[in-house]
N, C-alpha and C. Protein backbone atom coordinates (compact mmCIF):
# COMPACT_ATOMS: atom_id res chain seq x y z
N UNK A 1 16.43 99.01 -110.32
CA UNK A 1 15.19 99.33 -111.00
C UNK A 1 15.41 100.51 -111.94
N UNK A 2 15.00 100.36 -113.17
CA UNK A 2 15.19 101.40 -114.18
C UNK A 2 14.05 102.41 -114.11
N UNK A 3 14.40 103.67 -113.92
CA UNK A 3 13.39 104.73 -113.89
C UNK A 3 12.90 105.01 -115.30
N UNK A 4 11.61 105.25 -115.43
CA UNK A 4 11.06 105.58 -116.74
C UNK A 4 10.98 107.08 -116.97
N UNK A 5 11.13 107.87 -115.91
CA UNK A 5 11.12 109.33 -116.04
C UNK A 5 12.41 109.90 -115.48
N UNK A 6 12.81 111.01 -116.04
CA UNK A 6 14.00 111.72 -115.58
C UNK A 6 13.63 113.19 -115.36
N UNK A 7 14.50 113.90 -114.67
CA UNK A 7 14.36 115.35 -114.51
C UNK A 7 15.32 116.01 -115.49
N UNK A 8 14.78 116.74 -116.43
CA UNK A 8 15.60 117.46 -117.40
C UNK A 8 15.52 118.95 -117.11
N UNK A 9 16.56 119.66 -117.47
CA UNK A 9 16.56 121.11 -117.37
C UNK A 9 16.18 121.67 -118.74
N UNK A 10 15.12 122.46 -118.78
CA UNK A 10 14.67 123.08 -120.02
C UNK A 10 15.19 124.51 -120.04
N UNK A 11 15.94 124.86 -121.07
CA UNK A 11 16.52 126.19 -121.22
C UNK A 11 15.73 126.96 -122.27
N UNK A 12 15.40 128.19 -121.96
CA UNK A 12 14.60 129.02 -122.86
C UNK A 12 15.41 130.20 -123.37
N UNK A 13 15.24 130.50 -124.65
CA UNK A 13 15.96 131.60 -125.28
C UNK A 13 14.99 132.51 -126.01
N UNK A 14 15.36 133.78 -126.13
CA UNK A 14 14.63 134.78 -126.92
C UNK A 14 13.14 134.81 -126.58
N UNK A 15 12.27 134.67 -127.56
CA UNK A 15 10.82 134.78 -127.36
C UNK A 15 10.31 133.71 -126.40
N UNK A 16 10.88 132.51 -126.42
CA UNK A 16 10.46 131.45 -125.50
C UNK A 16 10.72 131.88 -124.06
N UNK A 17 11.86 132.48 -123.80
CA UNK A 17 12.19 132.96 -122.45
C UNK A 17 11.21 134.05 -122.02
N UNK A 18 10.89 134.93 -122.95
CA UNK A 18 9.94 136.01 -122.66
C UNK A 18 8.56 135.43 -122.29
N UNK A 19 8.09 134.45 -123.04
CA UNK A 19 6.78 133.86 -122.78
C UNK A 19 6.73 133.07 -121.48
N UNK A 20 7.80 132.35 -121.17
CA UNK A 20 7.83 131.53 -119.96
C UNK A 20 8.13 132.38 -118.73
N UNK A 21 8.90 133.44 -118.92
CA UNK A 21 9.26 134.31 -117.81
C UNK A 21 10.41 133.77 -116.98
N UNK A 22 11.19 132.87 -117.56
CA UNK A 22 12.33 132.28 -116.87
C UNK A 22 13.34 131.79 -117.90
N UNK A 23 14.61 131.74 -117.50
CA UNK A 23 15.60 131.24 -118.45
C UNK A 23 15.73 129.72 -118.40
N UNK A 24 15.28 129.10 -117.29
CA UNK A 24 15.30 127.64 -117.22
C UNK A 24 14.31 127.11 -116.20
N UNK A 25 13.86 125.89 -116.43
CA UNK A 25 12.94 125.19 -115.53
C UNK A 25 13.27 123.70 -115.56
N UNK A 26 12.86 122.99 -114.53
CA UNK A 26 12.98 121.53 -114.49
C UNK A 26 11.68 120.93 -115.00
N UNK A 27 11.78 119.76 -115.63
CA UNK A 27 10.60 119.08 -116.14
C UNK A 27 10.81 117.58 -116.04
N UNK A 28 9.82 116.89 -115.46
CA UNK A 28 9.83 115.42 -115.46
C UNK A 28 9.38 114.96 -116.83
N UNK A 29 10.15 114.07 -117.41
CA UNK A 29 9.86 113.65 -118.78
C UNK A 29 10.25 112.18 -118.95
N UNK A 30 9.58 111.51 -119.85
CA UNK A 30 9.90 110.11 -120.12
C UNK A 30 11.35 109.98 -120.57
N UNK A 31 11.99 108.94 -120.10
CA UNK A 31 13.39 108.69 -120.46
C UNK A 31 13.53 108.39 -121.95
N UNK A 32 12.60 107.62 -122.49
CA UNK A 32 12.63 107.27 -123.91
C UNK A 32 11.34 107.77 -124.54
N UNK A 33 11.47 108.62 -125.57
CA UNK A 33 10.30 109.18 -126.23
C UNK A 33 10.67 109.66 -127.62
N UNK A 34 9.66 109.90 -128.42
CA UNK A 34 9.92 110.42 -129.77
C UNK A 34 10.20 111.92 -129.69
N UNK A 35 10.85 112.41 -130.72
CA UNK A 35 11.12 113.85 -130.77
C UNK A 35 9.81 114.64 -130.79
N UNK A 36 8.78 114.09 -131.45
CA UNK A 36 7.47 114.76 -131.49
C UNK A 36 6.84 114.81 -130.11
N UNK A 37 6.95 113.72 -129.34
CA UNK A 37 6.40 113.70 -127.98
C UNK A 37 7.13 114.69 -127.07
N UNK A 38 8.45 114.78 -127.21
CA UNK A 38 9.21 115.75 -126.43
C UNK A 38 8.77 117.17 -126.77
N UNK A 39 8.64 117.44 -128.03
CA UNK A 39 8.21 118.76 -128.50
C UNK A 39 6.84 119.10 -127.92
N UNK A 40 5.88 118.18 -128.05
CA UNK A 40 4.53 118.40 -127.53
C UNK A 40 4.52 118.62 -126.02
N UNK A 41 5.30 117.83 -125.30
CA UNK A 41 5.36 117.94 -123.83
C UNK A 41 5.86 119.34 -123.43
N UNK A 42 6.89 119.81 -124.09
CA UNK A 42 7.44 121.13 -123.75
C UNK A 42 6.48 122.24 -124.14
N UNK A 43 5.91 122.17 -125.33
CA UNK A 43 4.97 123.20 -125.79
C UNK A 43 3.78 123.30 -124.83
N UNK A 44 3.22 122.16 -124.43
CA UNK A 44 2.05 122.18 -123.54
C UNK A 44 2.42 122.52 -122.10
N UNK A 45 3.55 122.03 -121.61
CA UNK A 45 3.95 122.29 -120.22
C UNK A 45 4.24 123.77 -119.96
N UNK A 46 4.73 124.46 -120.98
CA UNK A 46 5.14 125.85 -120.80
C UNK A 46 4.33 126.84 -121.64
N UNK A 47 3.18 126.40 -122.15
CA UNK A 47 2.26 127.26 -122.90
C UNK A 47 2.97 128.03 -124.02
N UNK A 48 3.63 127.28 -124.89
CA UNK A 48 4.37 127.88 -126.00
C UNK A 48 3.65 127.70 -127.35
N UNK A 49 2.36 127.47 -127.28
CA UNK A 49 1.58 127.24 -128.51
C UNK A 49 1.73 128.38 -129.52
N UNK A 50 1.85 129.60 -129.03
CA UNK A 50 1.91 130.76 -129.94
C UNK A 50 3.18 130.76 -130.80
N UNK A 51 4.22 130.05 -130.39
CA UNK A 51 5.45 129.99 -131.20
C UNK A 51 5.79 128.56 -131.60
N UNK A 52 4.83 127.67 -131.45
CA UNK A 52 5.02 126.24 -131.72
C UNK A 52 5.71 125.97 -133.07
N UNK A 53 5.26 126.65 -134.12
CA UNK A 53 5.79 126.39 -135.46
C UNK A 53 7.10 127.11 -135.75
N UNK A 54 7.64 127.79 -134.75
CA UNK A 54 8.86 128.56 -134.96
C UNK A 54 10.03 128.07 -134.13
N UNK A 55 9.82 127.09 -133.26
CA UNK A 55 10.90 126.69 -132.36
C UNK A 55 11.52 125.36 -132.79
N UNK A 56 12.78 125.23 -132.40
CA UNK A 56 13.48 123.96 -132.55
C UNK A 56 14.03 123.60 -131.18
N UNK A 57 14.34 122.32 -131.00
CA UNK A 57 14.87 121.83 -129.73
C UNK A 57 16.29 121.31 -129.93
N UNK A 58 17.07 121.43 -128.88
CA UNK A 58 18.41 120.83 -128.86
C UNK A 58 18.58 120.14 -127.51
N UNK A 59 19.16 118.95 -127.52
CA UNK A 59 19.45 118.22 -126.29
C UNK A 59 20.96 118.19 -126.13
N UNK A 60 21.43 118.75 -125.03
CA UNK A 60 22.87 118.81 -124.75
C UNK A 60 23.66 119.34 -125.96
N UNK A 61 23.19 120.47 -126.49
CA UNK A 61 23.85 121.20 -127.58
C UNK A 61 23.78 120.51 -128.94
N UNK A 62 22.94 119.48 -129.09
CA UNK A 62 22.76 118.82 -130.39
C UNK A 62 21.31 119.00 -130.82
N UNK A 63 21.11 119.53 -132.00
CA UNK A 63 19.74 119.72 -132.49
C UNK A 63 19.00 118.40 -132.56
N UNK A 64 17.73 118.42 -132.19
CA UNK A 64 16.89 117.22 -132.22
C UNK A 64 16.45 116.98 -133.66
N UNK A 65 16.67 115.76 -134.12
CA UNK A 65 16.29 115.37 -135.48
C UNK A 65 14.80 115.02 -135.48
N UNK A 66 14.02 115.61 -136.39
CA UNK A 66 12.59 115.26 -136.46
C UNK A 66 12.40 113.76 -136.69
N UNK A 67 11.33 113.24 -136.14
CA UNK A 67 10.95 111.82 -136.29
C UNK A 67 11.99 110.86 -135.74
N UNK A 68 12.70 111.28 -134.70
CA UNK A 68 13.69 110.39 -134.08
C UNK A 68 13.20 109.93 -132.71
N UNK A 69 13.82 108.87 -132.21
CA UNK A 69 13.56 108.39 -130.86
C UNK A 69 14.72 108.86 -129.99
N UNK A 70 14.39 109.46 -128.87
CA UNK A 70 15.41 110.00 -127.96
C UNK A 70 15.47 109.15 -126.70
N UNK A 71 16.67 108.97 -126.19
CA UNK A 71 16.86 108.34 -124.89
C UNK A 71 17.58 109.38 -124.03
N UNK A 72 16.84 109.92 -123.08
CA UNK A 72 17.35 111.01 -122.25
C UNK A 72 17.93 110.48 -120.96
N UNK A 73 18.80 111.27 -120.35
CA UNK A 73 19.41 110.93 -119.07
C UNK A 73 19.10 112.01 -118.05
N UNK A 74 19.17 111.63 -116.79
CA UNK A 74 18.95 112.58 -115.70
C UNK A 74 19.83 113.80 -115.90
N UNK A 75 19.25 114.98 -115.72
CA UNK A 75 19.93 116.27 -115.82
C UNK A 75 20.35 116.67 -117.22
N UNK A 76 19.80 116.02 -118.26
CA UNK A 76 20.04 116.50 -119.62
C UNK A 76 19.53 117.93 -119.73
N UNK A 77 20.13 118.70 -120.62
CA UNK A 77 19.71 120.07 -120.87
C UNK A 77 19.04 120.12 -122.25
N UNK A 78 17.80 120.58 -122.24
CA UNK A 78 17.02 120.68 -123.47
C UNK A 78 16.76 122.16 -123.74
N UNK A 79 17.28 122.65 -124.86
CA UNK A 79 17.12 124.06 -125.21
C UNK A 79 15.93 124.25 -126.14
N UNK A 80 15.14 125.28 -125.85
CA UNK A 80 14.01 125.68 -126.70
C UNK A 80 14.47 126.94 -127.43
N UNK A 81 14.66 126.80 -128.74
CA UNK A 81 15.28 127.88 -129.51
C UNK A 81 14.33 128.40 -130.58
N UNK A 82 13.78 129.59 -130.37
CA UNK A 82 12.98 130.22 -131.43
C UNK A 82 13.92 130.92 -132.41
N UNK A 83 13.41 131.34 -133.56
CA UNK A 83 14.28 132.05 -134.50
C UNK A 83 14.78 133.34 -133.86
N UNK A 84 16.01 133.66 -134.13
CA UNK A 84 16.58 134.89 -133.61
C UNK A 84 16.39 135.99 -134.64
N UNK A 85 16.09 137.17 -134.17
CA UNK A 85 15.92 138.28 -135.10
C UNK A 85 17.09 139.23 -134.93
N UNK A 86 17.23 140.08 -135.86
CA UNK A 86 18.32 141.05 -135.79
C UNK A 86 19.06 141.11 -137.11
N UNK A 87 20.05 141.95 -137.15
CA UNK A 87 20.74 142.11 -138.42
C UNK A 87 22.20 142.17 -138.28
């Protein structure tokens, strides 16, 4: 039987880590979904609305392409990356 949901590890960096209060969390997520749906799920699950327009996502070290369909696997790592500041 094919599972429709998987457990992914969500990794938080910089401002996202500060807002969530953790460097990583587990999240049940649809195995197949659009990049927009993944983005919305993460923003709403972890209350990241304040930085919504500043973050990008990466799945297993590959940046997520906007308007793409993703097929995720159990234990995939999804990074939430806000812009880094500094000089």
